[in-house]
N, C-alpha and C. Protein backbone atom coordinates (compact mmCIF):
# COMPACT_ATOMS: atom_id res chain seq x y z
N UNK A 1 252.66 -98.80 -17.72
CA UNK A 1 251.62 -99.69 -18.23
C UNK A 1 250.72 -99.19 -17.02
N UNK A 2 249.97 -99.17 -18.32
CA UNK A 2 248.71 -98.98 -18.10
C UNK A 2 248.05 -100.55 -17.25
N UNK A 3 246.65 -100.43 -16.75
CA UNK A 3 246.24 -101.79 -16.13
C UNK A 3 245.00 -101.57 -16.90
N UNK A 4 244.62 -102.80 -17.84
CA UNK A 4 243.60 -103.15 -18.61
C UNK A 4 242.33 -104.07 -17.16
N UNK A 5 241.32 -103.29 -17.37
CA UNK A 5 240.48 -103.93 -16.21
C UNK A 5 239.20 -104.71 -16.91
N UNK A 6 238.91 -105.55 -16.68
CA UNK A 6 237.94 -106.09 -17.44
C UNK A 6 236.41 -106.68 -16.72
N UNK A 7 235.49 -105.87 -17.28
CA UNK A 7 234.01 -105.60 -16.23
C UNK A 7 233.56 -107.24 -16.58
N UNK A 8 234.28 -107.85 -15.95
CA UNK A 8 233.88 -109.44 -16.21
C UNK A 8 232.66 -109.83 -14.94
N UNK A 9 232.64 -109.29 -13.81
CA UNK A 9 232.00 -109.05 -12.70
C UNK A 9 230.78 -108.39 -13.15
N UNK A 10 230.29 -107.21 -13.38
CA UNK A 10 229.55 -106.37 -13.89
C UNK A 10 228.45 -107.21 -14.93
N UNK A 11 229.73 -107.91 -15.77
CA UNK A 11 229.12 -108.32 -16.87
C UNK A 11 227.76 -110.01 -16.07
N UNK A 12 228.72 -110.39 -15.35
CA UNK A 12 227.69 -112.21 -14.80
C UNK A 12 226.75 -111.55 -13.91
N UNK A 13 226.69 -110.46 -13.35
CA UNK A 13 225.40 -109.78 -12.34
C UNK A 13 224.78 -109.49 -13.47
N UNK A 14 224.86 -108.78 -14.51
CA UNK A 14 223.08 -108.41 -15.79
C UNK A 14 223.02 -109.83 -16.13
N UNK A 15 224.26 -110.55 -16.65
CA UNK A 15 223.57 -111.86 -16.62
C UNK A 15 222.21 -112.58 -16.10
N UNK A 16 222.83 -112.17 -14.87
CA UNK A 16 221.81 -112.97 -13.77
C UNK A 16 220.79 -112.54 -13.77
N UNK A 17 220.87 -111.37 -13.68
CA UNK A 17 219.71 -110.39 -13.12
C UNK A 17 218.93 -110.60 -14.89
N UNK A 18 219.31 -110.70 -15.62
CA UNK A 18 218.14 -110.97 -17.35
C UNK A 18 217.85 -112.16 -17.17
N UNK A 19 218.44 -113.38 -16.43
CA UNK A 19 217.88 -114.76 -16.36
C UNK A 19 216.59 -114.68 -15.63
N UNK A 20 216.81 -113.77 -14.68
CA UNK A 20 215.84 -113.94 -13.28
C UNK A 20 214.32 -113.10 -13.85
N UNK A 21 214.51 -112.55 -15.17
CA UNK A 21 213.60 -111.56 -15.90
C UNK A 21 212.74 -112.91 -16.48
N UNK A 22 213.55 -113.64 -17.47
CA UNK A 22 212.63 -114.77 -18.08
C UNK A 22 211.49 -115.26 -17.16
N UNK A 23 210.65 -115.17 -18.65
CA UNK A 23 209.24 -116.07 -18.19
C UNK A 23 208.99 -117.39 -19.27
N UNK A 24 209.33 -118.66 -18.02
CA UNK A 24 209.45 -119.75 -19.06
C UNK A 24 208.02 -120.53 -19.10
N UNK A 25 208.04 -121.04 -20.18
CA UNK A 25 206.83 -121.31 -20.63
C UNK A 25 205.95 -122.70 -19.69
N UNK A 26 204.72 -122.72 -19.17
CA UNK A 26 204.53 -124.07 -18.78
C UNK A 26 204.92 -125.34 -19.35
N UNK A 27 204.50 -126.53 -18.58
CA UNK A 27 204.91 -127.44 -19.13
C UNK A 27 204.32 -128.14 -20.40
N UNK A 28 202.88 -127.51 -20.45
CA UNK A 28 201.99 -128.44 -21.13
C UNK A 28 202.29 -127.95 -23.11
N UNK A 29 202.67 -126.46 -22.23
CA UNK A 29 203.00 -125.59 -23.84
C UNK A 29 204.16 -126.36 -24.44
N UNK A 30 205.22 -126.63 -23.49
CA UNK A 30 206.39 -127.01 -23.94
C UNK A 30 206.77 -128.75 -25.19
N UNK A 31 205.26 -129.10 -24.19
CA UNK A 31 205.04 -130.68 -24.77
C UNK A 31 204.48 -130.32 -25.74
N UNK A 32 203.38 -129.20 -25.94
CA UNK A 32 202.58 -129.09 -27.39
C UNK A 32 203.50 -128.77 -28.66
N UNK A 33 204.11 -127.73 -27.90
CA UNK A 33 205.39 -127.44 -29.13
C UNK A 33 206.59 -128.79 -29.69
N UNK A 34 206.99 -129.37 -28.86
CA UNK A 34 207.46 -129.97 -29.39
C UNK A 34 206.45 -130.78 -30.29
N UNK A 35 205.41 -131.40 -29.55
CA UNK A 35 205.19 -132.78 -30.62
C UNK A 35 204.80 -131.72 -32.06
N UNK A 36 204.76 -130.62 -32.04
CA UNK A 36 204.02 -129.73 -32.97
C UNK A 36 205.30 -129.64 -34.44
N UNK A 37 206.36 -129.26 -33.19
CA UNK A 37 207.65 -129.83 -34.32
C UNK A 37 208.21 -130.82 -34.96
N UNK A 38 207.59 -132.24 -33.87
CA UNK A 38 208.15 -133.32 -34.66
C UNK A 38 207.32 -133.56 -35.45
N UNK A 39 206.28 -133.34 -35.67
CA UNK A 39 204.77 -133.51 -36.64
C UNK A 39 205.71 -133.38 -37.90
N UNK A 40 205.85 -131.90 -37.53
CA UNK A 40 206.05 -130.82 -38.69
C UNK A 40 207.18 -131.56 -39.65
N UNK A 41 208.09 -131.84 -39.37
CA UNK A 41 209.78 -132.40 -39.36
C UNK A 41 209.46 -133.46 -40.03
N UNK A 42 208.30 -134.83 -39.54
CA UNK A 42 208.11 -135.95 -40.48
C UNK A 42 207.39 -135.68 -41.23
N UNK A 43 206.46 -134.47 -41.85
CA UNK A 43 205.78 -134.06 -42.73
C UNK A 43 206.40 -133.85 -43.76
N UNK A 44 207.74 -132.92 -43.67
CA UNK A 44 208.32 -132.58 -44.36
C UNK A 44 209.56 -133.55 -45.27
N UNK A 45 210.15 -134.46 -43.91
CA UNK A 45 210.72 -135.39 -44.63
C UNK A 45 209.72 -136.09 -45.36
N UNK A 46 208.99 -136.95 -44.94
CA UNK A 46 208.49 -137.62 -45.73
C UNK A 46 207.65 -136.82 -47.58
N UNK A 47 208.04 -135.49 -47.43
CA UNK A 47 207.65 -134.45 -48.85
C UNK A 47 208.88 -134.78 -49.55
N UNK A 48 210.00 -134.49 -49.19
CA UNK A 48 211.12 -134.53 -49.27
C UNK A 48 211.81 -136.15 -49.60
N UNK A 49 211.39 -136.78 -49.17
CA UNK A 49 211.68 -138.27 -49.19
C UNK A 49 211.04 -139.04 -51.20
N UNK A 50 209.67 -138.49 -50.61
CA UNK A 50 208.66 -138.83 -51.90
C UNK A 50 209.27 -138.45 -52.88
N UNK A 51 209.41 -136.85 -53.38
CA UNK A 51 209.64 -136.37 -54.24
C UNK A 51 211.34 -136.88 -54.81
N UNK A 52 212.05 -136.98 -53.59
CA UNK A 52 213.89 -137.43 -54.08
C UNK A 52 213.66 -138.91 -54.51
N UNK A 53 212.70 -140.08 -54.19
CA UNK A 53 212.32 -141.32 -54.84
C UNK A 53 211.75 -140.90 -55.73
N UNK A 54 210.89 -140.11 -56.27
CA UNK A 54 210.32 -139.87 -57.48
C UNK A 54 211.31 -139.36 -58.88
N UNK A 55 211.79 -138.71 -58.46
CA UNK A 55 213.23 -138.00 -59.04
C UNK A 55 214.29 -139.20 -59.45
N UNK A 56 214.51 -139.99 -58.40
CA UNK A 56 215.23 -141.29 -58.62
C UNK A 56 214.96 -142.50 -59.76
N UNK A 57 213.71 -142.53 -59.69
CA UNK A 57 212.74 -143.32 -60.83
C UNK A 57 213.08 -142.99 -62.14
N UNK A 58 212.51 -141.80 -62.24
CA UNK A 58 212.83 -140.91 -63.37
C UNK A 58 213.61 -140.69 -64.22
N UNK A 59 214.72 -140.37 -63.28
CA UNK A 59 216.45 -140.42 -63.66
C UNK A 59 216.95 -141.66 -64.43
N UNK A 60 216.36 -142.69 -63.48
CA UNK A 60 216.53 -144.29 -63.84
C UNK A 60 215.93 -144.83 -65.16
N UNK A 61 214.73 -144.37 -65.28
CA UNK A 61 213.73 -144.37 -66.75
C UNK A 61 214.61 -143.79 -67.95
N UNK A 62 215.11 -142.61 -67.32
CA UNK A 62 215.61 -141.54 -68.13
C UNK A 62 216.90 -142.07 -68.59
N UNK A 63 217.77 -142.96 -68.22
CA UNK A 63 218.94 -143.70 -68.10
C UNK A 63 218.86 -144.81 -68.95
N UNK A 64 217.78 -145.74 -68.57
CA UNK A 64 217.90 -147.16 -69.20
C UNK A 64 217.09 -147.45 -70.65
N UNK A 65 216.76 -146.00 -71.09
CA UNK A 65 215.68 -145.89 -72.39
C UNK A 65 217.24 -145.27 -73.62
């Protein structure tokens, strides 16, 4: 019976080597991008919520007449 060898050790070595090559962003860049994402999501939520509210009122108006 043939023995199946899994290349687990070389895989994890390559993962560690690639992880050491990563250039992490500076703290101020991360903070700035996080704020941009939060503001963008808040704007998108307000746009979709207002559209939903307006359509809800139109449907209620159409049903009641």
